[in-house]
Amino acid sequence: PTLEKVPVVVLSNNDGCVVSRSNEAKDLGIPMG
């Protein structure tokens, strides 16, 4: 729960690229993939 309001990205199986973003991460301009 401490991840609330924190910019978070979830990475692909091999930690290679972003497959999910929190709204905070989206606001930073981090694109999918």
Full PDB file with SEQRES, HELIX, SHEET, SSBOND, CRYST1, ORIGX, SCALE, CONECT and MASTER records, all heavy atoms in Angstrom:
SEQRES   1 A   33  PRO THR LEU GLU LYS VAL PRO VAL VAL VAL LEU SER ASN          
SEQRES   2 A   33  ASN ASP GLY CYS VAL VAL SER ARG SER ASN GLU ALA LYS          
SEQRES   3 A   33  ASP LEU GLY ILE PRO MET GLY                                  
HELIX    1 AA1 ASN A   23  ASP A   27  1                                   5    
SHEET    1 AA1 2 VAL A   9  LEU A  11  0                                        
SHEET    2 AA1 2 VAL A  18  ARG A  21 -1                                        
CRYST1    1.000    1.000    1.000  90.00  90.00  90.00 P 1           1          
ORIGX1      1.000000  0.000000  0.000000        0.00000                         
ORIGX2      0.000000  1.000000  0.000000        0.00000                         
ORIGX3      0.000000  0.000000  1.000000        0.00000                         
SCALE1      1.000000  0.000000  0.000000        0.00000                         
SCALE2      0.000000  1.000000  0.000000        0.00000                         
SCALE3      0.000000  0.000000  1.000000        0.00000                         
ATOM      1  N   PRO A   1       0.799  -1.235   0.000  1.00  0.00           N  
ATOM      2  CA  PRO A   1       0.000   0.000   0.000  1.00  0.00           C  
ATOM      3  C   PRO A   1       0.831   1.285   0.000  1.00  0.00           C  
ATOM      4  O   PRO A   1       0.307   2.353  -0.344  1.00  0.00           O  
ATOM      5  CB  PRO A   1      -0.826  -0.113   1.290  1.00  0.00           C  
ATOM      6  CG  PRO A   1      -0.870  -1.578   1.597  1.00  0.00           C  
ATOM      7  CD  PRO A   1       0.448  -2.108   1.138  1.00  0.00           C  
ATOM      8  N   THR A   2       2.122   1.202   0.377  1.00  0.00           N  
ATOM      9  CA  THR A   2       2.963   2.407   0.369  1.00  0.00           C  
ATOM     10  C   THR A   2       3.221   2.920  -1.040  1.00  0.00           C  
ATOM     11  O   THR A   2       3.745   4.019  -1.223  1.00  0.00           O  
ATOM     12  CB  THR A   2       4.312   2.150   1.074  1.00  0.00           C  
ATOM     13  OG1 THR A   2       5.070   1.187   0.334  1.00  0.00           O  
ATOM     14  CG2 THR A   2       4.098   1.641   2.495  1.00  0.00           C  
ATOM     15  N   LEU A   3       2.865   2.127  -2.051  1.00  0.00           N  
ATOM     16  CA  LEU A   3       3.060   2.541  -3.437  1.00  0.00           C  
ATOM     17  C   LEU A   3       1.977   3.507  -3.928  1.00  0.00           C  
ATOM     18  O   LEU A   3       2.074   4.040  -5.026  1.00  0.00           O  
ATOM     19  CB  LEU A   3       3.097   1.315  -4.367  1.00  0.00           C  
ATOM     20  CG  LEU A   3       4.264   0.344  -4.165  1.00  0.00           C  
ATOM     21  CD1 LEU A   3       4.109  -0.871  -5.079  1.00  0.00           C  
ATOM     22  CD2 LEU A   3       5.592   1.045  -4.444  1.00  0.00           C  
ATOM     23  N   GLU A   4       0.934   3.712  -3.113  1.00  0.00           N  
ATOM     24  CA  GLU A   4      -0.107   4.674  -3.482  1.00  0.00           C  
ATOM     25  C   GLU A   4       0.515   6.060  -3.667  1.00  0.00           C  
ATOM     26  O   GLU A   4       1.351   6.492  -2.871  1.00  0.00           O  
ATOM     27  CB  GLU A   4      -1.193   4.739  -2.399  1.00  0.00           C  
ATOM     28  CG  GLU A   4      -2.108   3.517  -2.353  1.00  0.00           C  
ATOM     29  CD  GLU A   4      -3.039   3.429  -3.535  1.00  0.00           C  
ATOM     30  OE1 GLU A   4      -3.230   4.441  -4.244  1.00  0.00           O  
ATOM     31  OE2 GLU A   4      -3.592   2.324  -3.764  1.00  0.00           O  
ATOM     32  N   LYS A   5       0.073   6.738  -4.735  1.00  0.00           N  
ATOM     33  CA  LYS A   5       0.514   8.101  -5.076  1.00  0.00           C  
ATOM     34  C   LYS A   5       1.981   8.158  -5.512  1.00  0.00           C  
ATOM     35  O   LYS A   5       2.530   9.239  -5.725  1.00  0.00           O  
ATOM     36  CB  LYS A   5       0.294   9.076  -3.913  1.00  0.00           C  
ATOM     37  CG  LYS A   5      -1.130   9.071  -3.344  1.00  0.00           C  
ATOM     38  CD  LYS A   5      -2.155   9.464  -4.383  1.00  0.00           C  
ATOM     39  CE  LYS A   5      -3.548   9.491  -3.778  1.00  0.00           C  
ATOM     40  NZ  LYS A   5      -4.587   9.820  -4.816  1.00  0.00           N  
ATOM     41  N   VAL A   6       2.635   7.004  -5.632  1.00  0.00           N  
ATOM     42  CA  VAL A   6       4.033   6.929  -6.067  1.00  0.00           C  
ATOM     43  C   VAL A   6       4.068   6.551  -7.555  1.00  0.00           C  
ATOM     44  O   VAL A   6       3.277   5.711  -7.979  1.00  0.00           O  
ATOM     45  CB  VAL A   6       4.808   5.881  -5.239  1.00  0.00           C  
ATOM     46  CG1 VAL A   6       6.225   5.691  -5.778  1.00  0.00           C  
ATOM     47  CG2 VAL A   6       4.841   6.283  -3.773  1.00  0.00           C  
ATOM     48  N   PRO A   7       4.948   7.168  -8.365  1.00  0.00           N  
ATOM     49  CA  PRO A   7       5.072   6.720  -9.751  1.00  0.00           C  
ATOM     50  C   PRO A   7       5.618   5.291  -9.808  1.00  0.00           C  
ATOM     51  O   PRO A   7       6.709   5.015  -9.315  1.00  0.00           O  
ATOM     52  CB  PRO A   7       6.046   7.726 -10.380  1.00  0.00           C  
ATOM     53  CG  PRO A   7       6.775   8.348  -9.230  1.00  0.00           C  
ATOM     54  CD  PRO A   7       5.835   8.321  -8.074  1.00  0.00           C  
ATOM     55  N   VAL A   8       4.847   4.387 -10.375  1.00  0.00           N  
ATOM     56  CA  VAL A   8       5.191   2.963 -10.416  1.00  0.00           C  
ATOM     57  C   VAL A   8       5.111   2.464 -11.854  1.00  0.00           C  
ATOM     58  O   VAL A   8       4.183   2.805 -12.589  1.00  0.00           O  
ATOM     59  CB  VAL A   8       4.235   2.133  -9.537  1.00  0.00           C  
ATOM     60  CG1 VAL A   8       4.603   0.643  -9.584  1.00  0.00           C  
ATOM     61  CG2 VAL A   8       4.223   2.633  -8.106  1.00  0.00           C  
ATOM     62  N   VAL A   9       6.093   1.660 -12.256  1.00  0.00           N  
ATOM     63  CA  VAL A   9       6.020   0.965 -13.542  1.00  0.00           C  
ATOM     64  C   VAL A   9       6.261  -0.519 -13.298  1.00  0.00           C  
ATOM     65  O   VAL A   9       7.080  -0.903 -12.469  1.00  0.00           O  
ATOM     66  CB  VAL A   9       7.033   1.507 -14.577  1.00  0.00           C  
ATOM     67  CG1 VAL A   9       6.725   2.950 -14.930  1.00  0.00           C  
ATOM     68  CG2 VAL A   9       8.467   1.372 -14.076  1.00  0.00           C  
ATOM     69  N   VAL A  10       5.511  -1.336 -14.010  1.00  0.00           N  
ATOM     70  CA  VAL A  10       5.702  -2.779 -13.992  1.00  0.00           C  
ATOM     71  C   VAL A  10       6.396  -3.164 -15.294  1.00  0.00           C  
ATOM     72  O   VAL A  10       6.038  -2.682 -16.369  1.00  0.00           O  
ATOM     73  CB  VAL A  10       4.359  -3.518 -13.844  1.00  0.00           C  
ATOM     74  CG1 VAL A  10       4.563  -5.032 -13.947  1.00  0.00           C  
ATOM     75  CG2 VAL A  10       3.697  -3.163 -12.517  1.00  0.00           C  
ATOM     76  N   LEU A  11       7.387  -4.038 -15.184  1.00  0.00           N  
ATOM     77  CA  LEU A  11       8.221  -4.388 -16.314  1.00  0.00           C  
ATOM     78  C   LEU A  11       7.827  -5.740 -16.906  1.00  0.00           C  
ATOM     79  O   LEU A  11       7.185  -6.556 -16.252  1.00  0.00           O  
ATOM     80  CB  LEU A  11       9.698  -4.399 -15.892  1.00  0.00           C  
ATOM     81  CG  LEU A  11      10.191  -3.136 -15.170  1.00  0.00           C  
ATOM     82  CD1 LEU A  11      11.654  -3.273 -14.802  1.00  0.00           C  
ATOM     83  CD2 LEU A  11       9.959  -1.897 -16.022  1.00  0.00           C  
ATOM     84  N   SER A  12       8.224  -5.972 -18.136  1.00  0.00           N  
ATOM     85  CA  SER A  12       7.933  -7.211 -18.839  1.00  0.00           C  
ATOM     86  C   SER A  12       8.636  -8.388 -18.179  1.00  0.00           C  
ATOM     87  O   SER A  12       9.441  -8.236 -17.255  1.00  0.00           O  
ATOM     88  CB  SER A  12       8.356  -7.095 -20.299  1.00  0.00           C  
ATOM     89  OG  SER A  12       9.746  -6.785 -20.389  1.00  0.00           O  
ATOM     90  N   ASN A  13       8.344  -9.601 -18.690  1.00  0.00           N  
ATOM     91  CA  ASN A  13       8.873 -10.818 -18.081  1.00  0.00           C  
ATOM     92  C   ASN A  13      10.367 -10.773 -17.802  1.00  0.00           C  
ATOM     93  O   ASN A  13      10.833 -11.228 -16.772  1.00  0.00           O  
ATOM     94  CB  ASN A  13       8.576 -12.022 -18.979  1.00  0.00           C  
ATOM     95  CG  ASN A  13       7.180 -12.564 -18.745  1.00  0.00           C  
ATOM     96  OD1 ASN A  13       6.625 -12.378 -17.675  1.00  0.00           O  
ATOM     97  ND2 ASN A  13       6.610 -13.241 -19.712  1.00  0.00           N  
ATOM     98  N   ASN A  14      11.113 -10.232 -18.728  1.00  0.00           N  
ATOM     99  CA  ASN A  14      12.556 -10.178 -18.571  1.00  0.00           C  
ATOM    100  C   ASN A  14      13.048  -8.814 -18.122  1.00  0.00           C  
ATOM    101  O   ASN A  14      14.217  -8.467 -18.318  1.00  0.00           O  
ATOM    102  CB  ASN A  14      13.250 -10.583 -19.878  1.00  0.00           C  
ATOM    103  CG  ASN A  14      13.136 -12.068 -20.147  1.00  0.00           C  
ATOM    104  OD1 ASN A  14      13.185 -12.870 -19.232  1.00  0.00           O  
ATOM    105  ND2 ASN A  14      12.963 -12.440 -21.397  1.00  0.00           N  
ATOM    106  N   ASP A  15      12.158  -8.049 -17.500  1.00  0.00           N  
ATOM    107  CA  ASP A  15      12.496  -6.716 -16.993  1.00  0.00           C  
ATOM    108  C   ASP A  15      13.022  -5.795 -18.082  1.00  0.00           C  
ATOM    109  O   ASP A  15      13.805  -4.889 -17.808  1.00  0.00           O  
ATOM    110  CB  ASP A  15      13.525  -6.808 -15.847  1.00  0.00           C  
ATOM    111  CG  ASP A  15      12.977  -7.526 -14.626  1.00  0.00           C  
ATOM    112  OD1 ASP A  15      11.737  -7.582 -14.475  1.00  0.00           O  
ATOM    113  OD2 ASP A  15      13.788  -8.018 -13.811  1.00  0.00           O  
ATOM    114  N   GLY A  16      12.575  -6.018 -19.315  1.00  0.00           N  
ATOM    115  CA  GLY A  16      13.134  -5.263 -20.428  1.00  0.00           C  
ATOM    116  C   GLY A  16      12.436  -3.949 -20.732  1.00  0.00           C  
ATOM    117  O   GLY A  16      13.077  -2.973 -21.118  1.00  0.00           O  
ATOM    118  N   CYS A  17      11.097  -3.929 -20.582  1.00  0.00           N  
ATOM    119  CA  CYS A  17      10.360  -2.723 -20.946  1.00  0.00           C  
ATOM    120  C   CYS A  17       9.116  -2.573 -20.069  1.00  0.00           C  
ATOM    121  O   CYS A  17       8.691  -3.506 -19.383  1.00  0.00           O  
ATOM    122  CB  CYS A  17       9.970  -2.752 -22.429  1.00  0.00           C  
ATOM    123  SG  CYS A  17       8.935  -4.149 -22.899  1.00  0.00           S  
ATOM    124  N   VAL A  18       8.529  -1.393 -20.110  1.00  0.00           N  
ATOM    125  CA  VAL A  18       7.371  -1.050 -19.280  1.00  0.00           C  
ATOM    126  C   VAL A  18       6.096  -1.639 -19.890  1.00  0.00           C  
ATOM    127  O   VAL A  18       5.796  -1.416 -21.060  1.00  0.00           O  
ATOM    128  CB  VAL A  18       7.242   0.476 -19.147  1.00  0.00           C  
ATOM    129  CG1 VAL A  18       5.948   0.843 -18.415  1.00  0.00           C  
ATOM    130  CG2 VAL A  18       8.456   1.055 -18.423  1.00  0.00           C  
ATOM    131  N   VAL A  19       5.320  -2.385 -19.085  1.00  0.00           N  
ATOM    132  CA  VAL A  19       4.058  -2.951 -19.557  1.00  0.00           C  
ATOM    133  C   VAL A  19       2.854  -2.412 -18.792  1.00  0.00           C  
ATOM    134  O   VAL A  19       1.713  -2.670 -19.167  1.00  0.00           O  
ATOM    135  CB  VAL A  19       4.068  -4.495 -19.485  1.00  0.00           C  
ATOM    136  CG1 VAL A  19       5.096  -5.080 -20.431  1.00  0.00           C  
ATOM    137  CG2 VAL A  19       4.317  -4.999 -18.056  1.00  0.00           C  
ATOM    138  N   SER A  20       3.095  -1.658 -17.709  1.00  0.00           N  
ATOM    139  CA  SER A  20       1.998  -1.031 -16.982  1.00  0.00           C  
ATOM    140  C   SER A  20       2.540   0.175 -16.231  1.00  0.00           C  
ATOM    141  O   SER A  20       3.675   0.152 -15.740  1.00  0.00           O  
ATOM    142  CB  SER A  20       1.349  -2.019 -16.007  1.00  0.00           C  
ATOM    143  OG  SER A  20       0.219  -1.437 -15.342  1.00  0.00           O  
ATOM    144  N   ARG A  21       1.722   1.245 -16.147  1.00  0.00           N  
ATOM    145  CA  ARG A  21       2.158   2.495 -15.506  1.00  0.00           C  
ATOM    146  C   ARG A  21       1.074   3.028 -14.588  1.00  0.00           C  
ATOM    147  O   ARG A  21      -0.104   2.946 -14.913  1.00  0.00           O  
ATOM    148  CB  ARG A  21       2.451   3.562 -16.574  1.00  0.00           C  
ATOM    149  CG  ARG A  21       3.425   3.152 -17.660  1.00  0.00           C  
ATOM    150  CD  ARG A  21       3.277   4.051 -18.884  1.00  0.00           C  
ATOM    151  NE  ARG A  21       1.994   3.846 -19.527  1.00  0.00           N  
ATOM    152  CZ  ARG A  21       1.435   4.698 -20.401  1.00  0.00           C  
ATOM    153  NH1 ARG A  21       2.067   5.817 -20.702  1.00  0.00           N  
ATOM    154  NH2 ARG A  21       0.256   4.426 -20.944  1.00  0.00           N  
ATOM    155  N   SER A  22       1.474   3.558 -13.471  1.00  0.00           N  
ATOM    156  CA  SER A  22       0.526   4.278 -12.635  1.00  0.00           C  
ATOM    157  C   SER A  22       0.231   5.625 -13.282  1.00  0.00           C  
ATOM    158  O   SER A  22       0.969   6.081 -14.170  1.00  0.00           O  
ATOM    159  CB  SER A  22       1.098   4.474 -11.233  1.00  0.00           C  
ATOM    160  OG  SER A  22       2.212   5.367 -11.272  1.00  0.00           O  
ATOM    161  N   ASN A  23      -0.832   6.278 -12.837  1.00  0.00           N  
ATOM    162  CA  ASN A  23      -1.151   7.608 -13.370  1.00  0.00           C  
ATOM    163  C   ASN A  23      -0.006   8.586 -13.123  1.00  0.00           C  
ATOM    164  O   ASN A  23       0.277   9.458 -13.953  1.00  0.00           O  
ATOM    165  CB  ASN A  23      -2.435   8.137 -12.749  1.00  0.00           C  
ATOM    166  CG  ASN A  23      -3.676   7.396 -13.253  1.00  0.00           C  
ATOM    167  OD1 ASN A  23      -3.670   6.844 -14.351  1.00  0.00           O  
ATOM    168  ND2 ASN A  23      -4.735   7.377 -12.445  1.00  0.00           N  
ATOM    169  N   GLU A  24       0.661   8.440 -11.985  1.00  0.00           N  
ATOM    170  CA  GLU A  24       1.790   9.310 -11.663  1.00  0.00           C  
ATOM    171  C   GLU A  24       2.932   9.122 -12.654  1.00  0.00           C  
ATOM    172  O   GLU A  24       3.613  10.070 -13.045  1.00  0.00           O  
ATOM    173  CB  GLU A  24       2.285   9.046 -10.236  1.00  0.00           C  
ATOM    174  CG  GLU A  24       1.275   9.379  -9.140  1.00  0.00           C  
ATOM    175  CD  GLU A  24       0.224   8.304  -8.935  1.00  0.00           C  
ATOM    176  OE1 GLU A  24       0.334   7.219  -9.565  1.00  0.00           O  
ATOM    177  OE2 GLU A  24      -0.693   8.533  -8.134  1.00  0.00           O  
ATOM    178  N   ALA A  25       3.155   7.871 -13.080  1.00  0.00           N  
ATOM    179  CA  ALA A  25       4.195   7.582 -14.071  1.00  0.00           C  
ATOM    180  C   ALA A  25       3.803   8.113 -15.442  1.00  0.00           C  
ATOM    181  O   ALA A  25       4.641   8.616 -16.191  1.00  0.00           O  
ATOM    182  CB  ALA A  25       4.459   6.078 -14.130  1.00  0.00           C  
ATOM    183  N   LYS A  26       2.517   8.003 -15.771  1.00  0.00           N  
ATOM    184  CA  LYS A  26       2.031   8.544 -17.045  1.00  0.00           C  
ATOM    185  C   LYS A  26       2.236  10.050 -17.095  1.00  0.00           C  
ATOM    186  O   LYS A  26       2.610  10.603 -18.131  1.00  0.00           O  
ATOM    187  CB  LYS A  26       0.555   8.202 -17.239  1.00  0.00           C  
ATOM    188  CG  LYS A  26       0.260   6.718 -17.407  1.00  0.00           C  
ATOM    189  CD  LYS A  26      -1.243   6.463 -17.481  1.00  0.00           C  
ATOM    190  CE  LYS A  26      -1.549   4.975 -17.568  1.00  0.00           C  
ATOM    191  NZ  LYS A  26      -3.014   4.702 -17.567  1.00  0.00           N  
ATOM    192  N   ASP A  27       1.984  10.720 -15.961  1.00  0.00           N  
ATOM    193  CA  ASP A  27       2.149  12.179 -15.899  1.00  0.00           C  
ATOM    194  C   ASP A  27       3.598  12.609 -16.106  1.00  0.00           C  
ATOM    195  O   ASP A  27       3.855  13.738 -16.525  1.00  0.00           O  
ATOM    196  CB  ASP A  27       1.640  12.707 -14.557  1.00  0.00           C  
ATOM    197  CG  ASP A  27       0.128  12.585 -14.401  1.00  0.00           C  
ATOM    198  OD1 ASP A  27      -0.568  12.441 -15.435  1.00  0.00           O  
ATOM    199  OD2 ASP A  27      -0.366  12.614 -13.243  1.00  0.00           O  
ATOM    200  N   LEU A  28       4.529  11.716 -15.829  1.00  0.00           N  
ATOM    201  CA  LEU A  28       5.946  12.001 -16.057  1.00  0.00           C  
ATOM    202  C   LEU A  28       6.345  11.829 -17.519  1.00  0.00           C  
ATOM    203  O   LEU A  28       7.483  12.112 -17.897  1.00  0.00           O  
ATOM    204  CB  LEU A  28       6.823  11.105 -15.180  1.00  0.00           C  
ATOM    205  CG  LEU A  28       6.777  11.365 -13.664  1.00  0.00           C  
ATOM    206  CD1 LEU A  28       7.534  10.263 -12.922  1.00  0.00           C  
ATOM    207  CD2 LEU A  28       7.364  12.726 -13.337  1.00  0.00           C  
ATOM    208  N   GLY A  29       5.396  11.337 -18.332  1.00  0.00           N  
ATOM    209  CA  GLY A  29       5.671  11.164 -19.755  1.00  0.00           C  
ATOM    210  C   GLY A  29       6.314   9.834 -20.104  1.00  0.00           C  
ATOM    211  O   GLY A  29       6.847   9.675 -21.209  1.00  0.00           O  
ATOM    212  N   ILE A  30       6.263   8.858 -19.194  1.00  0.00           N  
ATOM    213  CA  ILE A  30       6.830   7.542 -19.472  1.00  0.00           C  
ATOM    214  C   ILE A  30       5.886   6.792 -20.406  1.00  0.00           C  
ATOM    215  O   ILE A  30       4.737   6.540 -20.057  1.00  0.00           O  
ATOM    216  CB  ILE A  30       7.031   6.742 -18.170  1.00  0.00           C  
ATOM    217  CG1 ILE A  30       7.969   7.501 -17.224  1.00  0.00           C  
ATOM    218  CG2 ILE A  30       7.574   5.355 -18.464  1.00  0.00           C  
ATOM    219  CD1 ILE A  30       8.020   6.918 -15.824  1.00  0.00           C  
ATOM    220  N   PRO A  31       6.340   6.424 -21.611  1.00  0.00           N  
ATOM    221  CA  PRO A  31       5.448   5.756 -22.556  1.00  0.00           C  
ATOM    222  C   PRO A  31       5.332   4.257 -22.284  1.00  0.00           C  
ATOM    223  O   PRO A  31       6.221   3.657 -21.678  1.00  0.00           O  
ATOM    224  CB  PRO A  31       6.126   6.009 -23.912  1.00  0.00           C  
ATOM    225  CG  PRO A  31       7.588   6.106 -23.584  1.00  0.00           C  
ATOM    226  CD  PRO A  31       7.672   6.716 -22.199  1.00  0.00           C  
ATOM    227  N   MET A  32       4.222   3.673 -22.724  1.00  0.00           N  
ATOM    228  CA  MET A  32       4.083   2.232 -22.670  1.00  0.00           C  
ATOM    229  C   MET A  32       5.141   1.595 -23.580  1.00  0.00           C  
ATOM    230  O   MET A  32       5.393   2.057 -24.686  1.00  0.00           O  
ATOM    231  CB  MET A  32       2.682   1.818 -23.121  1.00  0.00           C  
ATOM    232  CG  MET A  32       2.406   0.329 -22.981  1.00  0.00           C  
ATOM    233  SD  MET A  32       2.357  -0.184 -21.265  1.00  0.00           S  
ATOM    234  CE  MET A  32       0.651   0.106 -20.917  1.00  0.00           C  
ATOM    235  N   GLY A  33       5.769   0.524 -23.082  1.00  0.00           N  
ATOM    236  CA  GLY A  33       6.807  -0.147 -23.856  1.00  0.00           C  
ATOM    237  C   GLY A  33       8.178   0.484 -23.755  1.00  0.00           C  
ATOM    238  O   GLY A  33       9.108   0.071 -24.455  1.00  0.00           O  
TER     239      GLY A  33                                                      
MASTER        0    0    0    1    2    0    0    6  238    1    0    3          
END                                                                             
